[in-house]
Amino acid sequence: MPVTWHKIASEITEIPFGPTGLVEMEVGGKKVCLARHEQRVYACAVKCPHAGGRMSAGFIDPLGNIVCPLHRYKFSLSRGYNVSGEGFYLKTYPVEHRPEGIFMGLERGGLFSL
């Protein structure tokens, strides 16, 4: 699927992450949850696929998984797989750290595109 890249920031310090390392932002007309873990940025869906909890109200565990605030379901930041065993999948978006800044990709022309 073709991807359109959107510049999020010139550097990681420009992104207004909260104390948990999470923030909800609009990128390319789509609301996403951005996460910071070990000086890398990750992007995922705003809501948990289980019960719709706002992922930005959750936290990142020591292993680098994003944890839903409602039922504590854990998801891999890089692949979206549910690592706590419930079988759900959290939509993730590609993020590239380039010399000119941090970019997030959004699919064009698919079910989850704009």
PDB file of N, CA and C in Angstrom:
ATOM      1  N   MET A   1       0.852  -1.178   0.000  1.00  0.00           N
ATOM      2  CA  MET A   1       0.000   0.000   0.000  1.00  0.00           C
ATOM      3  C   MET A   1       0.900   1.245   0.000  1.00  0.00           C
ATOM      4  N   PRO A   2       0.655   2.213  -0.864  1.00  0.00           N
ATOM      5  CA  PRO A   2       1.457   3.445  -0.884  1.00  0.00           C
ATOM      6  C   PRO A   2       1.304   4.228   0.423  1.00  0.00           C
ATOM      7  N   VAL A   3       2.375   4.888   0.817  1.00  0.00           N
ATOM      8  CA  VAL A   3       2.394   5.649   2.069  1.00  0.00           C
ATOM      9  C   VAL A   3       2.729   7.106   1.769  1.00  0.00           C
ATOM     10  N   THR A   4       2.026   8.021   2.440  1.00  0.00           N
ATOM     11  CA  THR A   4       2.345   9.443   2.397  1.00  0.00           C
ATOM     12  C   THR A   4       3.027   9.785   3.713  1.00  0.00           C
ATOM     13  N   TRP A   5       4.200  10.413   3.630  1.00  0.00           N
ATOM     14  CA  TRP A   5       4.969  10.747   4.826  1.00  0.00           C
ATOM     15  C   TRP A   5       4.663  12.167   5.283  1.00  0.00           C
ATOM     16  N   HIS A   6       4.465  12.340   6.582  1.00  0.00           N
ATOM     17  CA  HIS A   6       4.153  13.632   7.182  1.00  0.00           C
ATOM     18  C   HIS A   6       5.198  13.937   8.254  1.00  0.00           C
ATOM     19  N   LYS A   7       5.757  15.132   8.182  1.00  0.00           N
ATOM     20  CA  LYS A   7       6.756  15.535   9.178  1.00  0.00           C
ATOM     21  C   LYS A   7       6.056  15.850  10.493  1.00  0.00           C
ATOM     22  N   ILE A   8       6.482  15.184  11.555  1.00  0.00           N
ATOM     23  CA  ILE A   8       5.921  15.399  12.887  1.00  0.00           C
ATOM     24  C   ILE A   8       6.683  16.524  13.593  1.00  0.00           C
ATOM     25  N   ALA A   9       8.005  16.481  13.495  1.00  0.00           N
ATOM     26  CA  ALA A   9       8.846  17.461  14.189  1.00  0.00           C
ATOM     27  C   ALA A   9      10.255  17.418  13.604  1.00  0.00           C
ATOM     28  N   SER A  10      10.999  18.454  13.854  1.00  0.00           N
ATOM     29  CA  SER A  10      12.403  18.477  13.435  1.00  0.00           C
ATOM     30  C   SER A  10      13.254  17.621  14.363  1.00  0.00           C
ATOM     31  N   GLU A  11      12.874  17.591  15.638  1.00  0.00           N
ATOM     32  CA  GLU A  11      13.570  16.757  16.610  1.00  0.00           C
ATOM     33  C   GLU A  11      12.591  16.324  17.700  1.00  0.00           C
ATOM     34  N   ILE A  12      12.945  15.297  18.433  1.00  0.00           N
ATOM     35  CA  ILE A  12      12.044  14.679  19.405  1.00  0.00           C
ATOM     36  C   ILE A  12      11.602  15.648  20.505  1.00  0.00           C
ATOM     37  N   THR A  13      12.453  16.616  20.853  1.00  0.00           N
ATOM     38  CA  THR A  13      12.118  17.556  21.928  1.00  0.00           C
ATOM     39  C   THR A  13      10.967  18.493  21.560  1.00  0.00           C
ATOM     40  N   GLU A  14      10.615  18.588  20.289  1.00  0.00           N
ATOM     41  CA  GLU A  14       9.505  19.443  19.855  1.00  0.00           C
ATOM     42  C   GLU A  14       8.145  18.794  20.073  1.00  0.00           C
ATOM     43  N   ILE A  15       8.114  17.489  20.296  1.00  0.00           N
ATOM     44  CA  ILE A  15       6.845  16.779  20.476  1.00  0.00           C
ATOM     45  C   ILE A  15       6.439  16.893  21.945  1.00  0.00           C
ATOM     46  N   PRO A  16       5.203  17.357  22.222  1.00  0.00           N
ATOM     47  CA  PRO A  16       4.786  17.620  23.610  1.00  0.00           C
ATOM     48  C   PRO A  16       4.364  16.360  24.385  1.00  0.00           C
ATOM     49  N   PHE A  17       5.308  15.432  24.565  1.00  0.00           N
ATOM     50  CA  PHE A  17       5.004  14.216  25.315  1.00  0.00           C
ATOM     51  C   PHE A  17       4.696  14.552  26.771  1.00  0.00           C
ATOM     52  N   GLY A  18       3.722  13.825  27.329  1.00  0.00           N
ATOM     53  CA  GLY A  18       3.418  13.964  28.745  1.00  0.00           C
ATOM     54  C   GLY A  18       4.416  13.174  29.572  1.00  0.00           C
ATOM     55  N   PRO A  19       4.225  13.143  30.890  1.00  0.00           N
ATOM     56  CA  PRO A  19       5.153  12.435  31.776  1.00  0.00           C
ATOM     57  C   PRO A  19       5.217  10.929  31.518  1.00  0.00           C
ATOM     58  N   THR A  20       4.195  10.371  30.877  1.00  0.00           N
ATOM     59  CA  THR A  20       4.185   8.938  30.575  1.00  0.00           C
ATOM     60  C   THR A  20       4.845   8.626  29.234  1.00  0.00           C
ATOM     61  N   GLY A  21       5.279   9.664  28.512  1.00  0.00           N
ATOM     62  CA  GLY A  21       5.890   9.451  27.205  1.00  0.00           C
ATOM     63  C   GLY A  21       4.873   9.288  26.088  1.00  0.00           C
ATOM     64  N   LEU A  22       3.628   9.694  26.334  1.00  0.00           N
ATOM     65  CA  LEU A  22       2.557   9.564  25.341  1.00  0.00           C
ATOM     66  C   LEU A  22       1.901  10.909  25.082  1.00  0.00           C
ATOM     67  N   VAL A  23       1.401  11.076  23.852  1.00  0.00           N
ATOM     68  CA  VAL A  23       0.657  12.277  23.499  1.00  0.00           C
ATOM     69  C   VAL A  23      -0.258  11.953  22.318  1.00  0.00           C
ATOM     70  N   GLU A  24      -1.420  12.572  22.311  1.00  0.00           N
ATOM     71  CA  GLU A  24      -2.350  12.440  21.186  1.00  0.00           C
ATOM     72  C   GLU A  24      -2.183  13.663  20.302  1.00  0.00           C
ATOM     73  N   MET A  25      -1.984  13.424  18.999  1.00  0.00           N
ATOM     74  CA  MET A  25      -1.785  14.526  18.060  1.00  0.00           C
ATOM     75  C   MET A  25      -2.516  14.236  16.756  1.00  0.00           C
ATOM     76  N   GLU A  26      -2.693  15.279  15.974  1.00  0.00           N
ATOM     77  CA  GLU A  26      -3.239  15.113  14.628  1.00  0.00           C
ATOM     78  C   GLU A  26      -2.077  15.179  13.644  1.00  0.00           C
ATOM     79  N   VAL A  27      -1.986  14.163  12.811  1.00  0.00           N
ATOM     80  CA  VAL A  27      -0.936  14.078  11.801  1.00  0.00           C
ATOM     81  C   VAL A  27      -1.613  13.799  10.459  1.00  0.00           C
ATOM     82  N   GLY A  28      -1.435  14.673   9.501  1.00  0.00           N
ATOM     83  CA  GLY A  28      -2.032  14.479   8.187  1.00  0.00           C
ATOM     84  C   GLY A  28      -3.541  14.347   8.220  1.00  0.00           C
ATOM     85  N   GLY A  29      -4.191  15.043   9.165  1.00  0.00           N
ATOM     86  CA  GLY A  29      -5.638  14.995   9.280  1.00  0.00           C
ATOM     87  C   GLY A  29      -6.170  13.805  10.063  1.00  0.00           C
ATOM     88  N   LYS A  30      -5.298  13.005  10.654  1.00  0.00           N
ATOM     89  CA  LYS A  30      -5.708  11.820  11.414  1.00  0.00           C
ATOM     90  C   LYS A  30      -5.187  11.927  12.839  1.00  0.00           C
ATOM     91  N   LYS A  31      -6.050  11.644  13.829  1.00  0.00           N
ATOM     92  CA  LYS A  31      -5.614  11.635  15.217  1.00  0.00           C
ATOM     93  C   LYS A  31      -4.882  10.326  15.491  1.00  0.00           C
ATOM     94  N   VAL A  32      -3.709  10.452  16.091  1.00  0.00           N
ATOM     95  CA  VAL A  32      -2.885   9.292  16.431  1.00  0.00           C
ATOM     96  C   VAL A  32      -2.309   9.480  17.833  1.00  0.00           C
ATOM     97  N   CYS A  33      -1.858   8.391  18.408  1.00  0.00           N
ATOM     98  CA  CYS A  33      -1.147   8.423  19.671  1.00  0.00           C
ATOM     99  C   CYS A  33       0.332   8.265  19.352  1.00  0.00           C
ATOM    100  N   LEU A  34       1.143   9.204  19.811  1.00  0.00           N
ATOM    101  CA  LEU A  34       2.596   9.108  19.652  1.00  0.00           C
ATOM    102  C   LEU A  34       3.197   8.693  20.984  1.00  0.00           C
ATOM    103  N   ALA A  35       4.219   7.843  20.897  1.00  0.00           N
ATOM    104  CA  ALA A  35       4.883   7.346  22.099  1.00  0.00           C
ATOM    105  C   ALA A  35       6.378   7.546  21.969  1.00  0.00           C
ATOM    106  N   ARG A  36       7.022   7.866  23.094  1.00  0.00           N
ATOM    107  CA  ARG A  36       8.478   7.992  23.129  1.00  0.00           C
ATOM    108  C   ARG A  36       9.015   6.900  24.050  1.00  0.00           C
ATOM    109  N   HIS A  37       9.905   6.092  23.494  1.00  0.00           N
ATOM    110  CA  HIS A  37      10.561   5.058  24.301  1.00  0.00           C
ATOM    111  C   HIS A  37      12.004   4.946  23.845  1.00  0.00           C
ATOM    112  N   GLU A  38      12.939   5.105  24.780  1.00  0.00           N
ATOM    113  CA  GLU A  38      14.370   5.046  24.499  1.00  0.00           C
ATOM    114  C   GLU A  38      14.764   5.954  23.331  1.00  0.00           C
ATOM    115  N   GLN A  39      14.280   7.192  23.371  1.00  0.00           N
ATOM    116  CA  GLN A  39      14.586   8.236  22.389  1.00  0.00           C
ATOM    117  C   GLN A  39      14.170   7.891  20.962  1.00  0.00           C
ATOM    118  N   ARG A  40      13.163   7.039  20.831  1.00  0.00           N
ATOM    119  CA  ARG A  40      12.549   6.743  19.530  1.00  0.00           C
ATOM    120  C   ARG A  40      11.077   7.118  19.638  1.00  0.00           C
ATOM    121  N   VAL A  41      10.497   7.495  18.507  1.00  0.00           N
ATOM    122  CA  VAL A  41       9.079   7.831  18.448  1.00  0.00           C
ATOM    123  C   VAL A  41       8.343   6.704  17.734  1.00  0.00           C
ATOM    124  N   TYR A  42       7.185   6.349  18.266  1.00  0.00           N
ATOM    125  CA  TYR A  42       6.311   5.333  17.685  1.00  0.00           C
ATOM    126  C   TYR A  42       4.933   5.957  17.527  1.00  0.00           C
ATOM    127  N   ALA A  43       4.132   5.408  16.613  1.00  0.00           N
ATOM    128  CA  ALA A  43       2.775   5.928  16.390  1.00  0.00           C
ATOM    129  C   ALA A  43       1.789   4.772  16.334  1.00  0.00           C
ATOM    130  N   CYS A  44       0.621   4.981  16.949  1.00  0.00           N
ATOM    131  CA  CYS A  44      -0.420   3.951  16.947  1.00  0.00           C
ATOM    132  C   CYS A  44      -1.798   4.608  16.968  1.00  0.00           C
ATOM    133  N   ALA A  45      -2.813   3.763  16.895  1.00  0.00           N
ATOM    134  CA  ALA A  45      -4.201   4.234  16.945  1.00  0.00           C
ATOM    135  C   ALA A  45      -4.466   4.942  18.267  1.00  0.00           C
ATOM    136  N   VAL A  46      -5.410   5.858  18.250  1.00  0.00           N
ATOM    137  CA  VAL A  46      -5.779   6.625  19.430  1.00  0.00           C
ATOM    138  C   VAL A  46      -6.491   5.751  20.460  1.00  0.00           C
ATOM    139  N   LYS A  47      -7.305   4.788  19.987  1.00  0.00           N
ATOM    140  CA  LYS A  47      -8.130   3.978  20.896  1.00  0.00           C
ATOM    141  C   LYS A  47      -7.700   2.520  20.910  1.00  0.00           C
ATOM    142  N   CYS A  48      -7.819   1.915  22.081  1.00  0.00           N
ATOM    143  CA  CYS A  48      -7.541   0.490  22.250  1.00  0.00           C
ATOM    144  C   CYS A  48      -8.586  -0.314  21.464  1.00  0.00           C
ATOM    145  N   PRO A  49      -8.171  -1.366  20.765  1.00  0.00           N
ATOM    146  CA  PRO A  49      -9.126  -2.163  19.989  1.00  0.00           C
ATOM    147  C   PRO A  49     -10.072  -2.990  20.857  1.00  0.00           C
ATOM    148  N   HIS A  50      -9.794  -3.119  22.137  1.00  0.00           N
ATOM    149  CA  HIS A  50     -10.651  -3.925  23.023  1.00  0.00           C
ATOM    150  C   HIS A  50     -11.888  -3.157  23.479  1.00  0.00           C
ATOM    151  N   ALA A  51     -11.684  -2.034  24.175  1.00  0.00           N
ATOM    152  CA  ALA A  51     -12.824  -1.313  24.741  1.00  0.00           C
ATOM    153  C   ALA A  51     -12.770   0.189  24.478  1.00  0.00           C
ATOM    154  N   GLY A  52     -11.897   0.623  23.575  1.00  0.00           N
ATOM    155  CA  GLY A  52     -11.874   2.030  23.174  1.00  0.00           C
ATOM    156  C   GLY A  52     -11.177   2.976  24.123  1.00  0.00           C
ATOM    157  N   GLY A  53     -10.378   2.464  25.044  1.00  0.00           N
ATOM    158  CA  GLY A  53      -9.636   3.348  25.949  1.00  0.00           C
ATOM    159  C   GLY A  53      -8.666   4.224  25.177  1.00  0.00           C
ATOM    160  N   ARG A  54      -8.488   5.462  25.622  1.00  0.00           N
ATOM    161  CA  ARG A  54      -7.552   6.388  24.974  1.00  0.00           C
ATOM    162  C   ARG A  54      -6.139   5.963  25.334  1.00  0.00           C
ATOM    163  N   MET A  55      -5.391   5.543  24.319  1.00  0.00           N
ATOM    164  CA  MET A  55      -4.046   5.033  24.560  1.00  0.00           C
ATOM    165  C   MET A  55      -3.130   6.099  25.162  1.00  0.00           C
ATOM    166  N   SER A  56      -3.366   7.362  24.854  1.00  0.00           N
ATOM    167  CA  SER A  56      -2.534   8.432  25.395  1.00  0.00           C
ATOM    168  C   SER A  56      -2.728   8.603  26.908  1.00  0.00           C
ATOM    169  N   ALA A  57      -3.793   8.021  27.473  1.00  0.00           N
ATOM    170  CA  ALA A  57      -4.026   8.063  28.917  1.00  0.00           C
ATOM    171  C   ALA A  57      -3.386   6.868  29.621  1.00  0.00           C
ATOM    172  N   GLY A  58      -2.760   5.979  28.847  1.00  0.00           N
ATOM    173  CA  GLY A  58      -2.095   4.813  29.417  1.00  0.00           C
ATOM    174  C   GLY A  58      -0.655   5.132  29.774  1.00  0.00           C
ATOM    175  N   PHE A  59       0.207   4.132  29.629  1.00  0.00           N
ATOM    176  CA  PHE A  59       1.627   4.324  29.929  1.00  0.00           C
ATOM    177  C   PHE A  59       2.447   3.312  29.135  1.00  0.00           C
ATOM    178  N   ILE A  60       3.754   3.473  29.194  1.00  0.00           N
ATOM    179  CA  ILE A  60       4.675   2.542  28.537  1.00  0.00           C
ATOM    180  C   ILE A  60       5.361   1.738  29.628  1.00  0.00           C
ATOM    181  N   ASP A  61       5.302   0.415  29.514  1.00  0.00           N
ATOM    182  CA  ASP A  61       5.934  -0.425  30.535  1.00  0.00           C
ATOM    183  C   ASP A  61       7.452  -0.487  30.311  1.00  0.00           C
ATOM    184  N   PRO A  62       8.211  -1.047  31.250  1.00  0.00           N
ATOM    185  CA  PRO A  62       9.678  -1.090  31.123  1.00  0.00           C
ATOM    186  C   PRO A  62      10.177  -1.843  29.885  1.00  0.00           C
ATOM    187  N   LEU A  63       9.360  -2.736  29.323  1.00  0.00           N
ATOM    188  CA  LEU A  63       9.764  -3.471  28.125  1.00  0.00           C
ATOM    189  C   LEU A  63       9.460  -2.725  26.835  1.00  0.00           C
ATOM    190  N   GLY A  64       8.833  -1.550  26.954  1.00  0.00           N
ATOM    191  CA  GLY A  64       8.529  -0.746  25.771  1.00  0.00           C
ATOM    192  C   GLY A  64       7.190  -1.051  25.142  1.00  0.00           C
ATOM    193  N   ASN A  65       6.267  -1.631  25.899  1.00  0.00           N
ATOM    194  CA  ASN A  65       4.913  -1.887  25.403  1.00  0.00           C
ATOM    195  C   ASN A  65       3.990  -0.767  25.863  1.00  0.00           C
ATOM    196  N   ILE A  66       3.036  -0.392  25.024  1.00  0.00           N
ATOM    197  CA  ILE A  66       2.041   0.601  25.424  1.00  0.00           C
ATOM    198  C   ILE A  66       0.915  -0.142  26.137  1.00  0.00           C
ATOM    199  N   VAL A  67       0.462   0.414  27.262  1.00  0.00           N
ATOM    200  CA  VAL A  67      -0.526  -0.243  28.112  1.00  0.00           C
ATOM    201  C   VAL A  67      -1.809   0.587  28.135  1.00  0.00           C
ATOM    202  N   CYS A  68      -2.930  -0.060  27.806  1.00  0.00           N
ATOM    203  CA  CYS A  68      -4.229   0.618  27.797  1.00  0.00           C
ATOM    204  C   CYS A  68      -4.627   0.991  29.228  1.00  0.00           C
ATOM    205  N   PRO A  69      -5.193   2.192  29.424  1.00  0.00           N
ATOM    206  CA  PRO A  69      -5.557   2.616  30.777  1.00  0.00           C
ATOM    207  C   PRO A  69      -6.784   1.890  31.343  1.00  0.00           C
ATOM    208  N   LEU A  70      -7.612   1.294  30.498  1.00  0.00           N
ATOM    209  CA  LEU A  70      -8.844   0.675  31.004  1.00  0.00           C
ATOM    210  C   LEU A  70      -8.640  -0.709  31.609  1.00  0.00           C
ATOM    211  N   HIS A  71      -8.063  -1.625  30.854  1.00  0.00           N
ATOM    212  CA  HIS A  71      -7.943  -3.009  31.312  1.00  0.00           C
ATOM    213  C   HIS A  71      -6.506  -3.520  31.343  1.00  0.00           C
ATOM    214  N   ARG A  72      -5.556  -2.617  31.114  1.00  0.00           N
ATOM    215  CA  ARG A  72      -4.124  -2.927  31.162  1.00  0.00           C
ATOM    216  C   ARG A  72      -3.658  -3.904  30.087  1.00  0.00           C
ATOM    217  N   TYR A  73      -4.371  -3.951  28.964  1.00  0.00           N
ATOM    218  CA  TYR A  73      -3.892  -4.756  27.841  1.00  0.00           C
ATOM    219  C   TYR A  73      -2.624  -4.104  27.310  1.00  0.00           C
ATOM    220  N   LYS A  74      -1.633  -4.926  26.954  1.00  0.00           N
ATOM    221  CA  LYS A  74      -0.337  -4.425  26.501  1.00  0.00           C
ATOM    222  C   LYS A  74      -0.139  -4.734  25.027  1.00  0.00           C
ATOM    223  N   PHE A  75       0.434  -3.758  24.312  1.00  0.00           N
ATOM    224  CA  PHE A  75       0.672  -3.890  22.880  1.00  0.00           C
ATOM    225  C   PHE A  75       2.102  -3.479  22.538  1.00  0.00           C
ATOM    226  N   SER A  76       2.715  -4.193  21.598  1.00  0.00           N
ATOM    227  CA  SER A  76       4.037  -3.837  21.099  1.00  0.00           C
ATOM    228  C   SER A  76       3.949  -2.499  20.379  1.00  0.00           C
ATOM    229  N   LEU A  77       4.812  -1.564  20.734  1.00  0.00           N
ATOM    230  CA  LEU A  77       4.822  -0.263  20.057  1.00  0.00           C
ATOM    231  C   LEU A  77       5.261  -0.384  18.604  1.00  0.00           C
ATOM    232  N   SER A  78       6.132  -1.322  18.320  1.00  0.00           N
ATOM    233  CA  SER A  78       6.653  -1.429  16.955  1.00  0.00           C
ATOM    234  C   SER A  78       5.744  -2.208  16.018  1.00  0.00           C
ATOM    235  N   ARG A  79       5.010  -3.198  16.527  1.00  0.00           N
ATOM    236  CA  ARG A  79       4.189  -4.034  15.632  1.00  0.00           C
ATOM    237  C   ARG A  79       2.709  -4.074  15.965  1.00  0.00           C
ATOM    238  N   GLY A  80       2.310  -3.594  17.122  1.00  0.00           N
ATOM    239  CA  GLY A  80       0.903  -3.554  17.487  1.00  0.00           C
ATOM    240  C   GLY A  80       0.344  -4.846  18.048  1.00  0.00           C
ATOM    241  N   TYR A  81       1.169  -5.897  18.113  1.00  0.00           N
ATOM    242  CA  TYR A  81       0.673  -7.171  18.630  1.00  0.00           C
ATOM    243  C   TYR A  81       0.373  -7.077  20.113  1.00  0.00           C
ATOM    244  N   ASN A  82      -0.696  -7.732  20.514  1.00  0.00           N
ATOM    245  CA  ASN A  82      -1.113  -7.795  21.916  1.00  0.00           C
ATOM    246  C   ASN A  82      -0.175  -8.762  22.644  1.00  0.00           C
ATOM    247  N   VAL A  83       0.668  -8.259  23.529  1.00  0.00           N
ATOM    248  CA  VAL A  83       1.662  -9.099  24.203  1.00  0.00           C
ATOM    249  C   VAL A  83       1.171  -9.650  25.539  1.00  0.00           C
ATOM    250  N   SER A  84      -0.018  -9.232  25.982  1.00  0.00           N
ATOM    251  CA  SER A  84      -0.544  -9.752  27.242  1.00  0.00           C
ATOM    252  C   SER A  84      -1.507 -10.915  27.028  1.00  0.00           C
ATOM    253  N   GLY A  85      -1.673 -11.360  25.767  1.00  0.00           N
ATOM    254  CA  GLY A  85      -2.366 -12.611  25.494  1.00  0.00           C
ATOM    255  C   GLY A  85      -3.843 -12.565  25.165  1.00  0.00           C
ATOM    256  N   GLU A  86      -4.445 -11.393  25.049  1.00  0.00           N
ATOM    257  CA  GLU A  86      -5.884 -11.334  24.789  1.00  0.00           C
ATOM    258  C   GLU A  86      -6.243 -11.472  23.315  1.00  0.00           C
ATOM    259  N   GLY A  87      -5.274 -11.353  22.417  1.00  0.00           N
ATOM    260  CA  GLY A  87      -5.520 -11.581  20.997  1.00  0.00           C
ATOM    261  C   GLY A  87      -5.923 -10.371  20.173  1.00  0.00           C
ATOM    262  N   PHE A  88      -5.838  -9.182  20.707  1.00  0.00           N
ATOM    263  CA  PHE A  88      -6.197  -7.979  19.959  1.00  0.00           C
ATOM    264  C   PHE A  88      -4.983  -7.427  19.215  1.00  0.00           C
ATOM    265  N   TYR A  89      -5.231  -6.542  18.260  1.00  0.00           N
ATOM    266  CA  TYR A  89      -4.168  -5.907  17.488  1.00  0.00           C
ATOM    267  C   TYR A  89      -4.410  -4.404  17.475  1.00  0.00           C
ATOM    268  N   LEU A  90      -3.394  -3.638  17.857  1.00  0.00           N
ATOM    269  CA  LEU A  90      -3.449  -2.185  17.852  1.00  0.00           C
ATOM    270  C   LEU A  90      -2.805  -1.679  16.569  1.00  0.00           C
ATOM    271  N   LYS A  91      -3.533  -0.899  15.805  1.00  0.00           N
ATOM    272  CA  LYS A  91      -3.010  -0.352  14.557  1.00  0.00           C
ATOM    273  C   LYS A  91      -1.796   0.520  14.854  1.00  0.00           C
ATOM    274  N   THR A  92      -0.695   0.266  14.138  1.00  0.00           N
ATOM    275  CA  THR A  92       0.509   1.082  14.261  1.00  0.00           C
ATOM    276  C   THR A  92       0.810   1.745  12.923  1.00  0.00           C
ATOM    277  N   TYR A  93       1.601   2.786  12.972  1.00  0.00           N
ATOM    278  CA  TYR A  93       1.983   3.535  11.781  1.00  0.00           C
ATOM    279  C   TYR A  93       3.503   3.614  11.726  1.00  0.00           C
ATOM    280  N   PRO A  94       4.069   3.577  10.516  1.00  0.00           N
ATOM    281  CA  PRO A  94       5.532   3.669  10.416  1.00  0.00           C
ATOM    282  C   PRO A  94       6.034   5.060  10.791  1.00  0.00           C
ATOM    283  N   VAL A  95       7.149   5.077  11.492  1.00  0.00           N
ATOM    284  CA  VAL A  95       7.808   6.335  11.862  1.00  0.00           C
ATOM    285  C   VAL A  95       9.265   6.215  11.443  1.00  0.00           C
ATOM    286  N   GLU A  96       9.766   7.253  10.785  1.00  0.00           N
ATOM    287  CA  GLU A  96      11.176   7.286  10.377  1.00  0.00           C
ATOM    288  C   GLU A  96      11.867   8.483  11.017  1.00  0.00           C
ATOM    289  N   HIS A  97      13.036   8.218  11.576  1.00  0.00           N
ATOM    290  CA  HIS A  97      13.899   9.262  12.112  1.00  0.00           C
ATOM    291  C   HIS A  97      14.923   9.568  11.026  1.00  0.00           C
ATOM    292  N   ARG A  98      14.788  10.739  10.401  1.00  0.00           N
ATOM    293  CA  ARG A  98      15.670  11.146   9.304  1.00  0.00           C
ATOM    294  C   ARG A  98      16.500  12.353   9.743  1.00  0.00           C
ATOM    295  N   PRO A  99      17.580  12.653   9.016  1.00  0.00           N
ATOM    296  CA  PRO A  99      18.372  13.843   9.368  1.00  0.00           C
ATOM    297  C   PRO A  99      17.544  15.130   9.374  1.00  0.00           C
ATOM    298  N   GLU A 100      16.533  15.209   8.503  1.00  0.00           N
ATOM    299  CA  GLU A 100      15.714  16.424   8.432  1.00  0.00           C
ATOM    300  C   GLU A 100      14.517  16.425   9.378  1.00  0.00           C
ATOM    301  N   GLY A 101      14.344  15.362  10.179  1.00  0.00           N
ATOM    302  CA  GLY A 101      13.270  15.336  11.156  1.00  0.00           C
ATOM    303  C   GLY A 101      12.649  13.966  11.355  1.00  0.00           C
ATOM    304  N   ILE A 102      11.527  13.966  12.065  1.00  0.00           N
ATOM    305  CA  ILE A 102      10.787  12.740  12.371  1.00  0.00           C
ATOM    306  C   ILE A 102       9.529  12.738  11.514  1.00  0.00           C
ATOM    307  N   PHE A 103       9.311  11.641  10.792  1.00  0.00           N
ATOM    308  CA  PHE A 103       8.195  11.528   9.858  1.00  0.00           C
ATOM    309  C   PHE A 103       7.342  10.317  10.193  1.00  0.00           C
ATOM    310  N   MET A 104       6.015  10.462   9.991  1.00  0.00           N
ATOM    311  CA  MET A 104       5.082   9.362  10.171  1.00  0.00           C
ATOM    312  C   MET A 104       4.392   9.081   8.846  1.00  0.00           C
ATOM    313  N   GLY A 105       4.206   7.814   8.518  1.00  0.00           N
ATOM    314  CA  GLY A 105       3.566   7.421   7.272  1.00  0.00           C
ATOM    315  C   GLY A 105       2.105   7.057   7.459  1.00  0.00           C
ATOM    316  N   LEU A 106       1.276   7.525   6.537  1.00  0.00           N
ATOM    317  CA  LEU A 106      -0.143   7.155   6.502  1.00  0.00           C
ATOM    318  C   LEU A 106      -0.427   6.478   5.164  1.00  0.00           C
ATOM    319  N   GLU A 107      -1.127   5.357   5.224  1.00  0.00           N
ATOM    320  CA  GLU A 107      -1.473   4.618   4.008  1.00  0.00           C
ATOM    321  C   GLU A 107      -2.432   5.428   3.155  1.00  0.00           C
ATOM    322  N   ARG A 108      -2.285   5.290   1.843  1.00  0.00           N
ATOM    323  CA  ARG A 108      -3.194   5.925   0.890  1.00  0.00           C
ATOM    324  C   ARG A 108      -4.008   4.852   0.188  1.00  0.00           C
ATOM    325  N   GLY A 109      -5.299   5.064   0.069  1.00  0.00           N
ATOM    326  CA  GLY A 109      -6.150   4.206  -0.751  1.00  0.00           C
ATOM    327  C   GLY A 109      -6.513   2.860  -0.168  1.00  0.00           C
ATOM    328  N   GLY A 110      -6.651   2.748   1.145  1.00  0.00           N
ATOM    329  CA  GLY A 110      -7.041   1.483   1.751  1.00  0.00           C
ATOM    330  C   GLY A 110      -8.145   1.696   2.774  1.00  0.00           C
ATOM    331  N   LEU A 111      -8.516   0.636   3.452  1.00  0.00           N
ATOM    332  CA  LEU A 111      -9.566   0.676   4.451  1.00  0.00           C
ATOM    333  C   LEU A 111      -9.246   1.672   5.560  1.00  0.00           C
ATOM    334  N   PHE A 112      -7.960   1.773   5.955  1.00  0.00           N
ATOM    335  CA  PHE A 112      -7.570   2.652   7.056  1.00  0.00           C
ATOM    336  C   PHE A 112      -6.980   3.963   6.585  1.00  0.00           C
ATOM    337  N   SER A 113      -7.090   4.261   5.307  1.00  0.00           N
ATOM    338  CA  SER A 113      -6.510   5.509   4.806  1.00  0.00           C
ATOM    339  C   SER A 113      -7.467   6.669   5.049  1.00  0.00           C
ATOM    340  N   LEU A 114      -6.984   7.847   4.722  1.00  0.00           N
ATOM    341  CA  LEU A 114      -7.785   9.063   4.918  1.00  0.00           C
ATOM    342  C   LEU A 114      -8.911   9.148   3.910  1.00  0.00           C
TER     343      LEU A 114
END
